[in-house]
Amino acid sequence: MGSLEAKRETIGWAARDPTGVLSPYTYTLRNTGPEDVYIKVKSCGICHSDIHQIKNDLGMSNYPMVPGHEVIGEVVEVGSSVTKFKGGDVVGVGCIVGCCRDCKACKSDIEQYCNKKIWSYNDVYVDGKPTQGGFARAMIVDQKFVVKIPEGMAPEQAAPLLCAGVTVYSPLNHFGLKNSGLRAGILGLGGVGHMGVKIAKAMGHHVTVISSSDKKREEAMDHLGADEYLVSSDATKMQEAVDSLDYIIDTIPVFHPLEPYLSLLKLDGKLILMGVINQPLQFLTPVVMLGRKTITGSFIGSMKEIEDMLEFCKERNLTSMIEVVKMDYVNKAIERLEKNDVRYRFVVDVAGSKLDQE
C-alpha cells in the first residue's frame, strides 16, 4: 500500500504553555517509512499524567503539545514492510512510539524500560520531528508500537486499557502475583485504581480498597466488586489490617506517607508505586526491614503485555468505567480530573468531535 512518503497535515488540540489549556492546532505529521501505520483516531483516554505534561509539572514540557496516549484508531494505510496490520483494522497506541531496540530492556521485550524510548508526545522522533499524541485526527506510528484491538471490544472501552489497564496488569504479571487467593490492596480509586480492583478480582484475589475517606465505599464494594474498604484515617481499622496483604498497588499521584500502608503488608509483601509524584516520598527503614518488604515501582507494560492484557479483559468481559466527552469539553474534563470528579476515566470521542472549533 505504499511507503506513506507523502507529508500529511492534521489537526489536534494542543497546550501552548503551562496553563495547560488546549485549543485547535494544525501541524504536519512526521516523515514516514515502510514500517509505519497511518491511523485515523477514533477515541483517546485522558490520563492523570497528561495533566503533569501539559502543565509542565515535571519541568520537561515542550510546546505546542498535543497530549493523549490511550489512543484507539482505525488503520487507513500501511507502509510497504508492514506485516501486522491492514486497512480497516481497529488498533491501539499507548505511551511509547519508539525505542533503541538494542539495549537489555529492548532485547528482553520490555521496551518501556529502554533509556532511549520515545514517548507518544512531548518527545522528539528519530527524524528530529516532535511527537504528538492522540488528541488529534491522525497519527503515524511504527508497527512495533501498535496493537490490534480484540474484535467486539468497543473503542471507547479499550482506550483506558492501553495505560490504566496494562499499568496494573504488568506488575502482577512480572512479580508472580497472578495466582488466585492472594490478598490485594488498591490504594486510591481513580483511573488506574478502579482497573486494579477489576483485574485483581478477575485473577481471583481478595481485594481491599484503601482510601482517605468513606465517600467511595459504595462504589468500590457494590459497583467494582471489592471485598473490603479501608479508610486510612481510621486508626483502629488500619491497626486491625496490619500484616494482612500480599501486595498493595499504590496509585496515588500526590505526596503521601508510606508507613501506614507498609504496615499492612505481610512478610515479603510488595508496595508497588504507580503514581507520578514530583517530590520525594519518605519511610522509616524498620517498617521495611522487619517484614522483608519491598517498595518497588512499575511503568506501564510491554507491547506483549498490552496484547495479553487486552485478551485477558476480553475473555473476562472486563471494561473500564468511563465518561465519554467531545473535544470541546476536554479542558473542563481536565479540570474535573484534577479534582477527581470522574468515574473513573474520561475518554474523548475524537472521531465524533469538530476539532477545528473551540
Protein backbone atom coordinates (compact mmCIF):
# COMPACT_ATOMS: atom_id res chain seq x y z
CA MET A 1 0.00 0.00 0.00
CA GLY A 2 2.97 2.29 -0.46
CA SER A 3 5.52 3.74 1.93
CA LEU A 4 3.45 6.70 3.13
CA GLU A 5 6.14 9.10 1.98
CA ALA A 6 3.75 11.99 1.32
CA LYS A 7 3.64 14.62 4.05
CA ARG A 8 0.28 14.77 5.81
CA GLU A 9 -1.27 17.60 7.72
CA THR A 10 -3.62 17.02 10.62
CA ILE A 11 -5.35 18.94 13.37
CA GLY A 12 -5.22 18.26 17.09
CA TRP A 13 -5.78 20.08 20.35
CA ALA A 14 -2.56 21.39 21.86
CA ALA A 15 -1.35 23.12 25.01
CA ARG A 16 0.77 26.20 24.22
CA ASP A 17 2.11 26.94 27.72
CA PRO A 18 1.99 25.66 31.33
CA THR A 19 -1.58 26.83 31.81
CA GLY A 20 -2.35 23.54 30.08
CA VAL A 21 -5.30 24.98 28.16
CA LEU A 22 -5.86 23.03 24.94
CA SER A 23 -7.02 24.56 21.67
CA PRO A 24 -7.02 23.62 17.97
CA TYR A 25 -3.59 23.24 16.39
CA THR A 26 -2.74 22.30 12.82
CA TYR A 27 0.57 20.54 12.19
CA THR A 28 2.36 18.21 9.79
CA LEU A 29 2.76 14.58 10.77
CA ARG A 30 6.33 13.28 10.85
CA ASN A 31 8.13 11.83 7.87
CA THR A 32 7.17 8.20 7.45
CA GLY A 33 8.67 4.96 6.28
CA PRO A 34 7.85 1.41 5.23
CA GLU A 35 7.28 0.18 8.82
CA ASP A 36 4.71 2.86 9.61
CA VAL A 37 0.96 2.70 10.09
CA TYR A 38 -1.27 5.68 9.31
CA ILE A 39 -4.11 5.73 11.83
CA LYS A 40 -7.33 7.73 11.95
CA VAL A 41 -8.02 8.34 15.65
CA LYS A 42 -11.41 7.27 16.98
CA SER A 43 -11.08 7.64 20.78
CA CYS A 44 -8.45 8.77 23.27
CA GLY A 45 -8.47 8.49 27.05
CA ILE A 46 -7.37 11.26 29.40
CA CYS A 47 -4.75 10.13 31.92
CA HIS A 48 -3.59 11.97 35.04
CA SER A 49 -0.07 12.04 33.58
CA ASP A 50 -1.43 14.12 30.68
CA ILE A 51 -2.06 16.87 33.24
CA HIS A 52 1.53 16.65 34.53
CA GLN A 53 2.78 17.05 30.97
CA ILE A 54 0.59 19.87 29.70
CA LYS A 55 1.15 21.88 32.91
CA ASN A 56 4.92 21.26 32.98
CA ASP A 57 4.72 19.75 36.48
CA LEU A 58 7.88 17.76 35.81
CA GLY A 59 9.76 20.65 34.20
CA MET A 60 10.28 18.88 30.86
CA SER A 61 7.38 20.08 28.73
CA ASN A 62 7.77 21.40 25.19
CA TYR A 63 5.07 23.35 23.44
CA PRO A 64 2.89 23.23 21.42
CA MET A 65 1.97 19.82 22.84
CA VAL A 66 -0.86 17.55 21.68
CA PRO A 67 -1.38 15.07 24.58
CA GLY A 68 -3.08 11.69 24.61
CA HIS A 69 -1.52 8.23 24.97
CA GLU A 70 -4.57 5.97 25.26
CA VAL A 71 -5.33 6.03 21.56
CA ILE A 72 -7.75 3.86 19.61
CA GLY A 73 -8.00 4.29 15.86
CA GLU A 74 -8.58 2.67 12.51
CA VAL A 75 -5.78 1.79 10.14
CA VAL A 76 -6.13 3.84 6.96
CA GLU A 77 -2.92 2.86 5.22
CA VAL A 78 0.24 0.87 5.91
CA GLY A 79 3.84 1.06 4.75
CA SER A 80 5.31 -1.44 2.31
CA SER A 81 7.02 -3.51 5.05
CA VAL A 82 4.10 -3.63 7.48
CA THR A 83 3.01 -7.21 8.12
CA LYS A 84 0.93 -6.99 11.30
CA PHE A 85 -1.86 -4.68 10.14
CA LYS A 86 -4.06 -3.85 7.18
CA GLY A 87 -6.52 -1.12 6.29
CA GLY A 88 -9.67 -1.20 8.42
CA ASP A 89 -8.06 -2.81 11.47
CA VAL A 90 -9.00 -1.26 14.82
CA VAL A 91 -5.77 -0.67 16.70
CA GLY A 92 -4.34 0.96 19.79
CA VAL A 93 -1.31 3.12 20.57
CA GLY A 94 -0.06 3.61 24.12
CA CYS A 95 2.64 5.68 25.83
CA ILE A 96 5.61 4.76 23.63
CA VAL A 97 6.24 5.01 19.87
CA GLY A 98 9.96 4.23 19.69
CA CYS A 99 12.94 2.56 21.40
CA CYS A 100 16.59 1.80 20.65
CA ARG A 101 15.94 -1.95 20.04
CA ASP A 102 19.48 -2.78 21.14
CA CYS A 103 19.65 -2.42 24.95
CA LYS A 104 18.95 -5.12 27.53
CA ALA A 105 15.37 -3.91 28.04
CA CYS A 106 14.59 -3.91 24.31
CA LYS A 107 16.18 -7.32 23.76
CA SER A 108 14.13 -8.64 26.70
CA ASP A 109 10.91 -7.30 25.12
CA ILE A 110 10.33 -4.81 27.93
CA GLU A 111 10.92 -1.78 25.75
CA GLN A 112 9.09 0.50 28.19
CA TYR A 113 12.31 0.47 30.25
CA CYS A 114 14.56 1.47 27.35
CA ASN A 115 16.55 4.59 28.26
CA LYS A 116 16.08 5.85 24.70
CA LYS A 117 12.35 5.19 24.45
CA ILE A 118 10.33 7.76 22.53
CA TRP A 119 7.13 8.99 24.15
CA SER A 120 3.92 9.26 22.17
CA TYR A 121 4.01 13.02 22.70
CA ASN A 122 6.29 15.68 24.19
CA ASP A 123 9.31 13.96 22.68
CA VAL A 124 11.40 14.01 19.53
CA TYR A 125 11.26 11.23 16.95
CA VAL A 126 14.35 9.79 15.24
CA ASP A 127 13.85 12.20 12.33
CA GLY A 128 14.02 15.20 14.68
CA LYS A 129 10.30 15.95 14.46
CA PRO A 130 8.24 16.42 17.66
CA THR A 131 5.92 13.57 18.61
CA GLN A 132 2.26 14.49 19.12
CA GLY A 133 -0.43 12.40 20.78
CA GLY A 134 -3.94 11.13 20.28
CA PHE A 135 -5.99 14.28 20.78
CA ALA A 136 -5.82 14.62 17.01
CA ARG A 137 -7.41 13.35 13.83
CA ALA A 138 -4.48 11.13 12.89
CA MET A 139 -1.17 9.60 13.98
CA ILE A 140 1.64 7.80 12.19
CA VAL A 141 3.21 5.06 14.31
CA ASP A 142 5.81 2.32 13.78
CA GLN A 143 4.02 -1.04 13.62
CA LYS A 144 6.02 -2.35 16.62
CA PHE A 145 4.15 0.10 18.86
CA VAL A 146 0.66 -0.61 17.53
CA VAL A 147 -1.62 -3.33 18.92
CA LYS A 148 -4.72 -4.88 17.45
CA ILE A 149 -7.88 -4.38 19.49
CA PRO A 150 -9.79 -7.65 20.02
CA GLU A 151 -12.90 -7.98 17.91
CA GLY A 152 -16.04 -6.86 19.69
CA MET A 153 -14.28 -4.56 22.17
CA ALA A 154 -15.73 -1.05 21.96
CA PRO A 155 -13.09 1.58 21.04
CA GLU A 156 -14.01 3.90 23.89
CA GLN A 157 -13.80 0.99 26.34
CA ALA A 158 -10.44 -0.19 25.02
CA ALA A 159 -8.75 3.23 25.26
CA PRO A 160 -8.05 3.34 29.04
CA LEU A 161 -6.79 -0.24 28.99
CA LEU A 162 -3.74 0.88 26.99
CA CYS A 163 -2.44 2.76 30.03
CA ALA A 164 -4.55 2.20 33.15
CA GLY A 165 -5.21 -1.45 32.32
CA VAL A 166 -1.69 -2.54 31.45
CA THR A 167 -0.19 -0.42 34.26
CA VAL A 168 -1.94 -2.76 36.72
CA TYR A 169 -1.56 -5.95 34.71
CA SER A 170 2.21 -5.65 34.14
CA PRO A 171 3.45 -5.77 37.77
CA LEU A 172 1.03 -8.57 38.65
CA ASN A 173 2.43 -10.47 35.69
CA HIS A 174 6.10 -9.66 36.39
CA PHE A 175 6.11 -10.20 40.16
CA GLY A 176 4.24 -13.51 40.01
CA LEU A 177 1.07 -12.09 41.52
CA LYS A 178 -1.46 -13.63 39.14
CA ASN A 179 -2.24 -16.70 41.25
CA SER A 180 -5.71 -16.82 42.75
CA GLY A 181 -6.14 -16.49 46.51
CA LEU A 182 -3.81 -13.53 47.05
CA ARG A 183 -4.87 -10.61 49.22
CA ALA A 184 -4.57 -7.32 47.39
CA GLY A 185 -4.71 -3.69 48.44
CA ILE A 186 -5.63 -0.97 45.97
CA LEU A 187 -4.58 2.44 47.25
CA GLY A 188 -6.52 5.21 45.53
CA LEU A 189 -9.63 4.66 43.42
CA GLY A 190 -9.05 6.67 40.26
CA GLY A 191 -8.49 5.58 36.67
CA VAL A 192 -5.70 3.10 37.46
CA GLY A 193 -7.12 2.09 40.84
CA HIS A 194 -10.53 1.08 39.54
CA MET A 195 -8.90 -1.11 36.88
CA GLY A 196 -6.73 -2.54 39.65
CA VAL A 197 -9.83 -3.69 41.50
CA LYS A 198 -11.36 -5.23 38.38
CA ILE A 199 -8.22 -7.02 37.19
CA ALA A 200 -7.25 -8.28 40.66
CA LYS A 201 -10.79 -9.60 41.23
CA ALA A 202 -10.72 -11.30 37.81
CA MET A 203 -7.50 -13.05 38.89
CA GLY A 204 -9.27 -14.39 41.98
CA HIS A 205 -7.73 -12.05 44.55
CA HIS A 206 -9.37 -10.78 47.73
CA VAL A 207 -9.36 -7.01 47.18
CA THR A 208 -9.28 -4.26 49.81
CA VAL A 209 -9.68 -0.70 48.56
CA ILE A 210 -7.80 1.80 50.73
CA SER A 211 -8.97 5.40 50.56
CA SER A 212 -8.65 8.60 52.57
CA SER A 213 -12.39 8.96 53.09
CA ASP A 214 -15.58 6.90 53.14
CA LYS A 215 -17.15 8.56 50.10
CA LYS A 216 -16.19 5.84 47.59
CA ARG A 217 -17.17 2.87 49.75
CA GLU A 218 -20.42 2.09 47.94
CA GLU A 219 -18.77 2.50 44.54
CA ALA A 220 -15.87 0.21 45.47
CA MET A 221 -17.97 -2.50 47.07
CA ASP A 222 -21.21 -2.51 45.09
CA HIS A 223 -20.10 -1.43 41.62
CA LEU A 224 -16.48 -2.59 41.35
CA GLY A 225 -16.78 -5.71 43.50
CA ALA A 226 -14.14 -5.00 46.16
CA ASP A 227 -14.25 -7.30 49.16
CA GLU A 228 -13.31 -4.74 51.79
CA TYR A 229 -12.96 -0.97 52.13
CA LEU A 230 -10.43 0.59 54.48
CA VAL A 231 -10.35 4.28 55.40
CA SER A 232 -6.73 5.22 56.01
CA SER A 233 -7.61 7.79 58.69
CA ASP A 234 -9.42 5.15 60.78
CA ALA A 235 -6.56 4.15 63.11
CA THR A 236 -8.47 1.24 64.65
CA LYS A 237 -9.35 -0.39 61.33
CA MET A 238 -5.85 0.23 59.98
CA GLN A 239 -4.38 -1.49 63.03
CA GLU A 240 -6.71 -4.45 62.56
CA ALA A 241 -5.49 -4.77 58.95
CA VAL A 242 -1.78 -4.88 59.82
CA ASP A 243 0.09 -7.80 58.24
CA SER A 244 -2.85 -8.83 56.04
CA LEU A 245 -1.97 -8.03 52.41
CA ASP A 246 0.29 -9.75 49.89
CA TYR A 247 0.65 -6.61 47.80
CA ILE A 248 -0.56 -3.04 47.51
CA ILE A 249 -0.92 -1.17 44.24
CA ASP A 250 -0.30 2.48 45.16
CA THR A 251 -1.90 4.72 42.53
CA ILE A 252 -1.90 8.00 44.47
CA PRO A 253 -0.36 10.74 42.26
CA VAL A 254 0.41 13.21 45.08
CA PHE A 255 2.73 13.19 48.10
CA HIS A 256 1.65 10.81 50.87
CA PRO A 257 3.29 8.92 53.77
CA LEU A 258 4.22 5.28 53.11
CA GLU A 259 4.49 3.85 56.65
CA PRO A 260 0.74 3.34 57.24
CA TYR A 261 0.49 1.21 54.09
CA LEU A 262 3.76 -0.68 54.52
CA SER A 263 2.47 -1.90 57.88
CA LEU A 264 -0.47 -3.57 56.12
CA LEU A 265 1.83 -5.88 54.15
CA LYS A 266 2.59 -9.46 55.14
CA LEU A 267 6.11 -10.87 55.28
CA ASP A 268 7.67 -10.39 51.81
CA GLY A 269 4.77 -8.15 50.78
CA LYS A 270 5.20 -5.65 47.99
CA LEU A 271 4.21 -1.99 47.77
CA ILE A 272 4.08 -1.20 44.05
CA LEU A 273 4.30 2.52 43.26
CA MET A 274 2.41 3.79 40.23
CA GLY A 275 1.62 7.44 40.87
CA VAL A 276 3.85 10.03 39.19
CA ILE A 277 4.91 12.34 42.04
CA ASN A 278 7.30 15.26 41.69
CA GLN A 279 8.60 15.26 45.28
CA PRO A 280 10.38 12.64 47.42
CA LEU A 281 8.40 10.10 49.43
CA GLN A 282 9.64 9.02 52.86
CA PHE A 283 9.51 5.98 55.12
CA LEU A 284 11.24 4.60 58.20
CA THR A 285 13.50 1.68 57.31
CA PRO A 286 12.43 -0.69 60.14
CA VAL A 287 8.93 -0.86 58.63
CA VAL A 288 10.51 -2.45 55.57
CA MET A 289 13.33 -4.40 57.23
CA LEU A 290 11.26 -6.19 59.87
CA GLY A 291 8.97 -7.76 57.29
CA ARG A 292 11.45 -8.12 54.41
CA LYS A 293 9.05 -5.96 52.47
CA THR A 294 9.67 -4.47 49.07
CA ILE A 295 8.98 -0.97 47.82
CA THR A 296 9.09 -1.16 44.05
CA GLY A 297 7.66 0.53 41.02
CA SER A 298 6.30 -0.45 37.66
CA PHE A 299 5.86 1.54 34.48
CA ILE A 300 3.01 0.81 32.06
CA GLY A 301 3.76 -2.50 30.29
CA SER A 302 5.43 -4.03 27.27
CA MET A 303 3.76 -4.39 23.90
CA LYS A 304 3.43 -8.12 24.61
CA GLU A 305 1.79 -7.40 27.98
CA ILE A 306 -0.63 -4.96 26.34
CA GLU A 307 -1.70 -7.69 23.92
CA ASP A 308 -2.02 -10.24 26.74
CA MET A 309 -3.95 -7.80 28.92
CA LEU A 310 -6.42 -6.99 26.12
CA GLU A 311 -7.09 -10.71 25.63
CA PHE A 312 -7.45 -11.17 29.40
CA CYS A 313 -10.01 -8.35 29.54
CA LYS A 314 -11.91 -9.68 26.54
CA GLU A 315 -12.08 -13.23 27.93
CA ARG A 316 -13.41 -11.99 31.26
CA ASN A 317 -15.56 -9.23 29.79
CA LEU A 318 -13.69 -6.57 31.79
CA THR A 319 -14.39 -2.95 30.92
CA SER A 320 -13.32 0.37 32.35
CA MET A 321 -15.88 2.77 33.81
CA ILE A 322 -15.76 5.80 31.56
CA GLU A 323 -17.38 9.12 30.75
CA VAL A 324 -17.25 9.91 27.04
CA VAL A 325 -16.85 13.58 26.08
CA LYS A 326 -16.29 15.60 22.91
CA MET A 327 -13.09 17.53 22.32
CA ASP A 328 -14.75 20.89 23.00
CA TYR A 329 -15.24 19.67 26.60
CA VAL A 330 -11.66 18.50 27.09
CA ASN A 331 -10.47 21.49 29.14
CA LYS A 332 -13.42 21.10 31.50
CA ALA A 333 -12.72 17.37 31.71
CA ILE A 334 -9.12 18.06 32.70
CA GLU A 335 -10.31 20.47 35.41
CA ARG A 336 -12.64 17.79 36.74
CA LEU A 337 -9.94 15.12 36.60
CA GLU A 338 -7.70 17.33 38.75
CA LYS A 339 -10.50 17.32 41.35
CA ASN A 340 -11.04 13.56 40.97
CA ASP A 341 -14.51 14.33 39.66
CA VAL A 342 -14.80 11.43 37.22
CA ARG A 343 -15.85 7.79 37.45
CA TYR A 344 -13.21 6.75 36.52
CA ARG A 345 -11.75 7.73 33.19
CA PHE A 346 -12.61 10.38 30.64
CA VAL A 347 -12.46 9.24 27.03
CA VAL A 348 -12.60 11.78 24.21
CA ASP A 349 -14.73 10.84 21.20
CA VAL A 350 -12.17 12.24 18.78
CA ALA A 351 -13.79 10.99 15.57
CA GLY A 352 -17.13 12.48 16.62
CA SER A 353 -15.69 15.90 17.50
CA LYS A 354 -15.18 19.01 15.41
CA LEU A 355 -11.50 19.55 16.10
CA ASP A 356 -11.25 22.87 14.28
CA GLN A 357 -13.78 24.55 16.57
CA GLU A 358 -13.49 25.50 20.25
